[in-house]
Amino acid sequence: MAQVELFKKTGVYTNRDGEEKNYTNFYVRCGDMNVPVQVSYFEGEDGKDPQYNARRAVMSAFADTLPEKPKTEENAKKN
């Protein structure tokens, strides 16, 4: 039976205005593939989604940190 795992990758980026912002990307590992997933924003009549931050927080709480990919040079040395 295949195993499915939830991972997250966090970091910092600079937006167009020069401000540093934090990001968290989520991935589901199915077998040997990482599939990116996005938390949906369900806009209500008032234009807001009061549960969006809570859904992202739950995903982040249960996700493991995505391990770094081995560098190409290291792979060449192993072979």
Protein backbone atom coordinates (compact mmCIF):
# COMPACT_ATOMS: atom_id res chain seq x y z
CA MET A 1 0.00 0.00 0.00
CA ALA A 2 1.33 3.44 -0.91
CA GLN A 3 2.03 5.95 1.81
CA VAL A 4 0.97 9.61 1.58
CA GLU A 5 2.84 12.29 3.54
CA LEU A 6 2.23 16.03 4.04
CA PHE A 7 5.22 18.39 3.83
CA LYS A 8 5.77 22.13 4.02
CA LYS A 9 8.52 24.44 2.81
CA THR A 10 8.87 27.84 4.43
CA GLY A 11 10.99 30.80 3.46
CA VAL A 12 11.15 34.53 2.88
CA TYR A 13 10.73 36.48 -0.36
CA THR A 14 10.79 40.16 -1.32
CA ASN A 15 7.62 41.51 -2.92
CA ARG A 16 7.42 44.23 -5.59
CA ASP A 17 7.39 46.97 -2.94
CA GLY A 18 10.66 45.69 -1.46
CA GLU A 19 8.99 44.25 1.66
CA GLU A 20 10.11 40.88 2.99
CA LYS A 21 7.25 38.40 3.33
CA ASN A 22 7.10 34.88 4.73
CA TYR A 23 5.69 32.01 2.68
CA THR A 24 4.69 28.41 3.33
CA ASN A 25 4.18 25.98 0.45
CA PHE A 26 2.53 22.61 1.02
CA TYR A 27 3.26 19.32 -0.76
CA VAL A 28 1.77 15.84 -0.61
CA ARG A 29 4.25 13.05 -1.28
CA CYS A 30 2.58 10.21 -3.12
CA GLY A 31 5.08 7.42 -3.67
CA ASP A 32 8.18 9.15 -5.04
CA MET A 33 6.43 12.32 -6.30
CA ASN A 34 5.82 15.61 -4.47
CA VAL A 35 2.51 17.16 -5.53
CA PRO A 36 1.99 20.85 -4.63
CA VAL A 37 -1.28 21.62 -2.85
CA GLN A 38 -2.91 24.95 -2.09
CA VAL A 39 -5.29 25.88 0.70
CA SER A 40 -8.48 27.18 -0.94
CA TYR A 41 -9.95 30.59 -0.18
CA PHE A 42 -13.74 30.38 0.04
CA GLU A 43 -14.95 33.95 -0.35
CA GLY A 44 -18.24 34.67 1.42
CA GLU A 45 -20.83 37.31 0.66
CA ASP A 46 -18.73 39.85 2.55
CA GLY A 47 -15.67 39.02 0.44
CA LYS A 48 -13.84 37.33 3.32
CA ASP A 49 -13.05 33.76 4.39
CA PRO A 50 -12.90 33.70 8.21
CA GLN A 51 -11.63 30.08 8.30
CA TYR A 52 -8.76 30.46 5.79
CA ASN A 53 -6.06 31.17 8.38
CA ALA A 54 -7.30 28.30 10.56
CA ARG A 55 -7.12 25.85 7.62
CA ARG A 56 -3.55 26.97 6.83
CA ALA A 57 -2.58 26.65 10.50
CA VAL A 58 -3.89 23.07 10.68
CA MET A 59 -2.02 22.13 7.50
CA SER A 60 1.17 23.67 8.88
CA ALA A 61 0.78 21.96 12.26
CA PHE A 62 0.49 18.49 10.72
CA ALA A 63 3.08 18.92 7.94
CA ASP A 64 6.69 17.83 8.26
CA THR A 65 9.42 20.07 6.87
CA LEU A 66 10.25 19.15 3.29
CA PRO A 67 13.77 17.70 3.18
CA GLU A 68 16.25 19.46 0.92
CA LYS A 69 17.01 17.88 -2.44
CA PRO A 70 20.51 16.49 -2.76
CA LYS A 71 22.73 18.68 -4.92
CA THR A 72 23.49 17.53 -8.46
CA GLU A 73 27.25 17.36 -7.80
CA GLU A 74 26.70 15.05 -4.84
CA ASN A 75 24.60 12.75 -7.02
CA ALA A 76 27.36 12.65 -9.63
CA LYS A 77 29.94 11.70 -6.97
CA LYS A 78 27.76 8.83 -5.73
CA ASN A 79 27.45 7.28 -9.20
